[in-house]
Amino acid sequence: MAVSYESVFIDDDLLLAISNKTPELLGVGYVGVISNGRGSLSGAHPDGIVTDDWIPVSAEIIIRIRSKLASLDGLFVAKTKSGVDGTWLIPNLNPLLKYDVIARLDGRNDVIGSDLTPKV
């Protein structure tokens, strides 16, 4: 199984500054900071789709926070299923944070794209 994604890069120091500046981010009331933004991660044609042996498939796509703070790292953000054509989209992500994308298909090992920044 393969998964591709579109991403842009934001400096690690900026992410660390955001994390250190807002310790309240760890509280439930700050979930919007994590998952309410104008960025998105997606898989689109021709090269960004989920495939199994080069054939587009519908698979579970899971988004988790990637952070230097242990209390944030791995925090679940969103889940969707790619279409039968292999395309997928997770909108409303904070472009100042980084995320891991996990593609999961029964009978296959997970495929992970790590430390990704949403496209604005």
N, C-alpha and C. Protein backbone atom coordinates (compact mmCIF):
# COMPACT_ATOMS: atom_id res chain seq x y z
N MET A 1 0.84 -1.16 0.00
CA MET A 1 0.00 0.00 0.00
C MET A 1 0.89 1.23 0.00
N ALA A 2 0.48 2.25 -0.72
CA ALA A 2 1.23 3.50 -0.77
C ALA A 2 0.29 4.66 -0.51
N VAL A 3 0.82 5.69 0.07
CA VAL A 3 0.04 6.91 0.27
C VAL A 3 0.96 8.10 0.04
N SER A 4 0.43 9.10 -0.62
CA SER A 4 1.18 10.33 -0.84
C SER A 4 0.35 11.48 -0.30
N TYR A 5 0.95 12.64 -0.22
CA TYR A 5 0.27 13.77 0.40
C TYR A 5 0.90 15.05 -0.11
N GLU A 6 0.14 16.13 0.02
CA GLU A 6 0.66 17.45 -0.30
C GLU A 6 1.00 18.14 1.01
N SER A 7 2.12 18.83 1.05
CA SER A 7 2.55 19.46 2.31
C SER A 7 3.42 20.66 2.01
N VAL A 8 3.45 21.59 2.95
CA VAL A 8 4.40 22.69 2.89
C VAL A 8 5.21 22.67 4.17
N PHE A 9 6.36 23.32 4.18
CA PHE A 9 7.27 23.26 5.32
C PHE A 9 7.18 24.52 6.15
N ILE A 10 7.10 24.36 7.47
CA ILE A 10 7.22 25.49 8.42
C ILE A 10 8.31 25.14 9.41
N ASP A 11 9.14 26.09 9.74
CA ASP A 11 10.29 25.89 10.60
C ASP A 11 9.92 25.27 11.95
N ASP A 12 10.72 24.29 12.43
CA ASP A 12 10.51 23.63 13.72
C ASP A 12 10.53 24.62 14.87
N ASP A 13 11.36 25.66 14.78
CA ASP A 13 11.44 26.65 15.85
C ASP A 13 10.11 27.37 16.04
N LEU A 14 9.39 27.60 14.95
CA LEU A 14 8.09 28.25 15.04
C LEU A 14 7.11 27.34 15.76
N LEU A 15 7.10 26.07 15.42
CA LEU A 15 6.22 25.12 16.10
C LEU A 15 6.56 25.03 17.58
N LEU A 16 7.83 24.98 17.91
CA LEU A 16 8.25 24.89 19.30
C LEU A 16 7.84 26.16 20.06
N ALA A 17 7.97 27.31 19.43
CA ALA A 17 7.57 28.56 20.07
C ALA A 17 6.08 28.57 20.37
N ILE A 18 5.29 28.07 19.44
CA ILE A 18 3.85 27.99 19.66
C ILE A 18 3.56 27.07 20.83
N SER A 19 4.19 25.91 20.84
CA SER A 19 3.96 24.93 21.90
C SER A 19 4.36 25.48 23.27
N ASN A 20 5.50 26.13 23.36
CA ASN A 20 5.98 26.64 24.64
C ASN A 20 5.20 27.86 25.11
N LYS A 21 4.71 28.63 24.18
CA LYS A 21 4.01 29.86 24.53
C LYS A 21 2.60 29.59 25.07
N THR A 22 2.04 28.45 24.76
CA THR A 22 0.67 28.17 25.14
C THR A 22 0.55 26.84 25.88
N PRO A 23 0.97 26.79 27.16
CA PRO A 23 0.83 25.54 27.89
C PRO A 23 -0.63 25.12 28.05
N GLU A 24 -1.56 26.08 27.94
CA GLU A 24 -2.98 25.75 28.03
C GLU A 24 -3.44 24.90 26.85
N LEU A 25 -2.62 24.84 25.82
CA LEU A 25 -2.94 24.04 24.64
C LEU A 25 -3.22 22.59 25.02
N LEU A 26 -2.69 22.16 26.14
CA LEU A 26 -2.89 20.78 26.58
C LEU A 26 -4.30 20.56 27.09
N GLY A 27 -5.03 21.62 27.39
CA GLY A 27 -6.38 21.47 27.92
C GLY A 27 -7.40 21.24 26.83
N VAL A 28 -8.53 20.66 27.21
CA VAL A 28 -9.58 20.33 26.26
C VAL A 28 -10.10 21.58 25.55
N GLY A 29 -10.14 22.71 26.23
CA GLY A 29 -10.65 23.93 25.64
C GLY A 29 -9.82 24.46 24.49
N TYR A 30 -8.65 23.90 24.27
CA TYR A 30 -7.76 24.40 23.23
C TYR A 30 -7.67 23.47 22.04
N VAL A 31 -8.60 22.52 21.93
CA VAL A 31 -8.59 21.61 20.79
C VAL A 31 -8.70 22.39 19.49
N GLY A 32 -9.42 23.51 19.50
CA GLY A 32 -9.57 24.32 18.31
C GLY A 32 -8.25 24.83 17.76
N VAL A 33 -7.28 25.05 18.62
CA VAL A 33 -5.96 25.50 18.17
C VAL A 33 -5.30 24.40 17.34
N ILE A 34 -5.60 23.16 17.67
CA ILE A 34 -4.99 22.02 16.99
C ILE A 34 -5.71 21.71 15.69
N SER A 35 -7.04 21.74 15.69
CA SER A 35 -7.77 21.23 14.53
C SER A 35 -8.74 22.22 13.91
N ASN A 36 -8.56 23.50 14.16
CA ASN A 36 -9.46 24.48 13.59
C ASN A 36 -8.62 25.55 12.90
N GLY A 37 -8.27 25.30 11.67
CA GLY A 37 -7.43 26.24 10.94
C GLY A 37 -7.78 26.26 9.48
N ARG A 38 -6.93 26.89 8.70
CA ARG A 38 -7.19 27.02 7.27
C ARG A 38 -6.31 26.12 6.43
N GLY A 39 -5.59 25.21 7.08
CA GLY A 39 -4.73 24.29 6.35
C GLY A 39 -5.43 22.96 6.07
N SER A 40 -4.84 22.19 5.17
CA SER A 40 -5.39 20.86 4.88
C SER A 40 -4.27 19.92 4.46
N LEU A 41 -4.51 18.65 4.67
CA LEU A 41 -3.67 17.59 4.14
C LEU A 41 -4.56 16.78 3.21
N SER A 42 -3.99 16.33 2.09
CA SER A 42 -4.83 15.64 1.11
C SER A 42 -4.02 14.69 0.26
N GLY A 43 -4.74 13.82 -0.38
CA GLY A 43 -4.17 12.93 -1.39
C GLY A 43 -5.00 13.08 -2.64
N ALA A 44 -4.39 13.50 -3.74
CA ALA A 44 -5.12 13.76 -4.97
C ALA A 44 -4.38 13.17 -6.16
N HIS A 45 -5.08 13.07 -7.29
CA HIS A 45 -4.48 12.54 -8.53
C HIS A 45 -3.45 13.54 -9.05
N PRO A 46 -2.40 13.14 -9.71
CA PRO A 46 -2.12 11.75 -10.08
C PRO A 46 -1.27 11.00 -9.06
N ASP A 47 -0.49 11.71 -8.24
CA ASP A 47 0.51 11.03 -7.41
C ASP A 47 0.15 10.94 -5.93
N GLY A 48 -0.95 11.52 -5.50
CA GLY A 48 -1.22 11.60 -4.08
C GLY A 48 -2.30 10.68 -3.56
N ILE A 49 -2.60 9.62 -4.28
CA ILE A 49 -3.71 8.76 -3.87
C ILE A 49 -3.23 7.54 -3.08
N VAL A 50 -4.17 6.91 -2.36
CA VAL A 50 -3.89 5.67 -1.64
C VAL A 50 -4.03 4.52 -2.63
N THR A 51 -3.01 3.67 -2.70
CA THR A 51 -3.05 2.53 -3.62
C THR A 51 -2.62 1.25 -2.91
N ASP A 52 -3.05 0.13 -3.46
CA ASP A 52 -2.60 -1.18 -3.03
C ASP A 52 -2.17 -1.90 -4.30
N ASP A 53 -0.88 -2.21 -4.39
CA ASP A 53 -0.31 -2.78 -5.62
C ASP A 53 -0.66 -1.92 -6.83
N TRP A 54 -0.52 -0.61 -6.68
CA TRP A 54 -0.72 0.40 -7.71
C TRP A 54 -2.18 0.59 -8.12
N ILE A 55 -3.11 -0.04 -7.40
CA ILE A 55 -4.53 0.11 -7.70
C ILE A 55 -5.15 1.00 -6.62
N PRO A 56 -5.88 2.07 -7.01
CA PRO A 56 -6.50 2.94 -6.01
C PRO A 56 -7.45 2.15 -5.10
N VAL A 57 -7.41 2.47 -3.80
CA VAL A 57 -8.27 1.79 -2.83
C VAL A 57 -8.82 2.78 -1.81
N SER A 58 -9.89 2.35 -1.17
CA SER A 58 -10.45 3.10 -0.05
C SER A 58 -9.82 2.58 1.23
N ALA A 59 -9.17 3.45 1.97
CA ALA A 59 -8.49 3.08 3.22
C ALA A 59 -8.79 4.13 4.28
N GLU A 60 -8.58 3.75 5.52
CA GLU A 60 -8.77 4.67 6.64
C GLU A 60 -7.56 5.62 6.70
N ILE A 61 -7.81 6.91 6.83
CA ILE A 61 -6.76 7.92 6.96
C ILE A 61 -6.91 8.56 8.34
N ILE A 62 -5.84 8.51 9.13
CA ILE A 62 -5.86 9.03 10.49
C ILE A 62 -4.83 10.15 10.61
N ILE A 63 -5.19 11.25 11.25
CA ILE A 63 -4.28 12.37 11.45
C ILE A 63 -4.00 12.51 12.94
N ARG A 64 -2.71 12.60 13.28
CA ARG A 64 -2.28 12.79 14.67
C ARG A 64 -1.26 13.93 14.73
N ILE A 65 -1.21 14.61 15.87
CA ILE A 65 -0.25 15.70 16.08
C ILE A 65 1.16 15.13 16.13
N ARG A 66 2.11 15.85 15.54
CA ARG A 66 3.54 15.56 15.68
C ARG A 66 4.11 16.73 16.46
N SER A 67 4.64 16.48 17.65
CA SER A 67 5.12 17.56 18.50
C SER A 67 6.33 17.13 19.31
N LYS A 68 7.16 18.11 19.66
CA LYS A 68 8.29 17.85 20.56
C LYS A 68 7.80 17.72 22.00
N LEU A 69 6.57 18.16 22.27
CA LEU A 69 5.99 18.01 23.60
C LEU A 69 5.36 16.63 23.71
N ALA A 70 5.83 15.83 24.65
CA ALA A 70 5.33 14.46 24.80
C ALA A 70 3.83 14.43 25.04
N SER A 71 3.30 15.42 25.72
CA SER A 71 1.87 15.44 26.03
C SER A 71 1.00 15.73 24.80
N LEU A 72 1.57 16.28 23.75
CA LEU A 72 0.84 16.53 22.51
C LEU A 72 1.14 15.51 21.43
N ASP A 73 2.33 14.96 21.42
CA ASP A 73 2.75 14.05 20.35
C ASP A 73 1.83 12.84 20.28
N GLY A 74 1.30 12.58 19.09
CA GLY A 74 0.43 11.44 18.88
C GLY A 74 -1.04 11.69 19.16
N LEU A 75 -1.38 12.92 19.56
CA LEU A 75 -2.76 13.25 19.87
C LEU A 75 -3.63 13.13 18.62
N PHE A 76 -4.74 12.37 18.72
CA PHE A 76 -5.66 12.17 17.60
C PHE A 76 -6.32 13.50 17.23
N VAL A 77 -6.39 13.78 15.91
CA VAL A 77 -7.01 15.00 15.42
C VAL A 77 -8.22 14.71 14.54
N ALA A 78 -8.06 13.81 13.57
CA ALA A 78 -9.15 13.56 12.62
C ALA A 78 -8.98 12.19 11.98
N LYS A 79 -10.10 11.73 11.40
CA LYS A 79 -10.08 10.47 10.66
C LYS A 79 -11.06 10.58 9.51
N THR A 80 -10.70 9.97 8.38
CA THR A 80 -11.59 9.90 7.23
C THR A 80 -11.30 8.61 6.49
N LYS A 81 -12.02 8.39 5.42
CA LYS A 81 -11.78 7.24 4.56
C LYS A 81 -11.52 7.79 3.16
N SER A 82 -10.49 7.28 2.52
CA SER A 82 -10.23 7.72 1.15
C SER A 82 -11.34 7.16 0.25
N GLY A 83 -11.59 7.86 -0.83
CA GLY A 83 -12.60 7.39 -1.79
C GLY A 83 -12.12 6.14 -2.51
N VAL A 84 -13.00 5.50 -3.25
CA VAL A 84 -12.61 4.31 -4.00
C VAL A 84 -11.55 4.64 -5.04
N ASP A 85 -11.45 5.93 -5.39
CA ASP A 85 -10.40 6.37 -6.32
C ASP A 85 -9.09 6.68 -5.59
N GLY A 86 -9.07 6.48 -4.25
CA GLY A 86 -7.85 6.69 -3.46
C GLY A 86 -7.63 8.11 -2.97
N THR A 87 -8.49 9.04 -3.35
CA THR A 87 -8.30 10.44 -2.93
C THR A 87 -8.87 10.66 -1.53
N TRP A 88 -8.31 11.66 -0.85
CA TRP A 88 -8.77 11.99 0.50
C TRP A 88 -8.43 13.42 0.82
N LEU A 89 -9.14 13.98 1.83
CA LEU A 89 -8.92 15.36 2.25
C LEU A 89 -9.26 15.48 3.73
N ILE A 90 -8.37 16.10 4.49
CA ILE A 90 -8.62 16.48 5.88
C ILE A 90 -8.46 18.00 5.94
N PRO A 91 -9.57 18.75 6.02
CA PRO A 91 -9.51 20.22 6.08
C PRO A 91 -9.42 20.74 7.51
N ASN A 92 -9.35 22.05 7.64
CA ASN A 92 -9.44 22.76 8.92
C ASN A 92 -8.32 22.43 9.89
N LEU A 93 -7.12 22.21 9.37
CA LEU A 93 -5.96 21.95 10.23
C LEU A 93 -5.18 23.24 10.46
N ASN A 94 -4.57 23.35 11.61
CA ASN A 94 -3.76 24.51 11.94
C ASN A 94 -2.44 24.43 11.17
N PRO A 95 -2.16 25.37 10.28
CA PRO A 95 -0.94 25.31 9.48
C PRO A 95 0.34 25.59 10.27
N LEU A 96 0.21 25.98 11.52
CA LEU A 96 1.40 26.22 12.35
C LEU A 96 1.83 24.96 13.11
N LEU A 97 1.05 23.90 13.00
CA LEU A 97 1.38 22.64 13.66
C LEU A 97 1.79 21.60 12.63
N LYS A 98 2.42 20.54 13.10
CA LYS A 98 2.81 19.43 12.23
C LYS A 98 1.99 18.21 12.60
N TYR A 99 1.81 17.33 11.61
CA TYR A 99 0.93 16.18 11.78
C TYR A 99 1.57 14.93 11.18
N ASP A 100 1.10 13.77 11.68
CA ASP A 100 1.40 12.48 11.06
C ASP A 100 0.14 12.01 10.35
N VAL A 101 0.30 11.47 9.14
CA VAL A 101 -0.80 10.89 8.38
C VAL A 101 -0.58 9.39 8.37
N ILE A 102 -1.60 8.64 8.79
CA ILE A 102 -1.51 7.19 8.83
C ILE A 102 -2.58 6.63 7.91
N ALA A 103 -2.17 5.83 6.93
CA ALA A 103 -3.11 5.15 6.05
C ALA A 103 -3.20 3.70 6.51
N ARG A 104 -4.43 3.23 6.74
CA ARG A 104 -4.64 1.88 7.29
C ARG A 104 -5.59 1.11 6.39
N LEU A 105 -5.14 -0.06 5.95
CA LEU A 105 -5.93 -0.94 5.10
C LEU A 105 -5.85 -2.34 5.68
N ASP A 106 -7.00 -2.97 5.88
CA ASP A 106 -7.02 -4.33 6.45
C ASP A 106 -6.09 -5.26 5.67
N GLY A 107 -5.32 -6.04 6.40
CA GLY A 107 -4.42 -7.01 5.79
C GLY A 107 -3.09 -6.44 5.35
N ARG A 108 -2.88 -5.16 5.56
CA ARG A 108 -1.63 -4.50 5.17
C ARG A 108 -1.04 -3.76 6.36
N ASN A 109 0.27 -3.52 6.32
CA ASN A 109 0.91 -2.67 7.32
C ASN A 109 0.49 -1.22 7.10
N ASP A 110 0.40 -0.46 8.18
CA ASP A 110 0.10 0.96 8.05
C ASP A 110 1.21 1.66 7.28
N VAL A 111 0.83 2.69 6.55
CA VAL A 111 1.80 3.56 5.87
C VAL A 111 1.70 4.92 6.55
N ILE A 112 2.85 5.47 6.92
CA ILE A 112 2.86 6.71 7.70
C ILE A 112 3.67 7.79 6.99
N GLY A 113 3.07 8.95 6.84
CA GLY A 113 3.78 10.15 6.42
C GLY A 113 3.94 10.99 7.68
N SER A 114 5.16 11.27 8.09
CA SER A 114 5.34 11.92 9.39
C SER A 114 5.89 13.34 9.27
N ASP A 115 5.56 14.14 10.28
CA ASP A 115 6.07 15.50 10.43
C ASP A 115 5.65 16.40 9.27
N LEU A 116 4.38 16.35 8.92
CA LEU A 116 3.85 17.09 7.77
C LEU A 116 3.16 18.37 8.21
N THR A 117 3.27 19.39 7.40
CA THR A 117 2.62 20.67 7.64
C THR A 117 1.49 20.83 6.63
N PRO A 118 0.30 21.21 7.07
CA PRO A 118 -0.82 21.38 6.15
C PRO A 118 -0.55 22.44 5.09
N LYS A 119 -1.15 22.21 3.94
CA LYS A 119 -1.09 23.18 2.85
C LYS A 119 -2.17 24.23 3.08
N VAL A 120 -1.83 25.49 2.86
CA VAL A 120 -2.80 26.57 3.04
C VAL A 120 -3.34 26.99 1.70
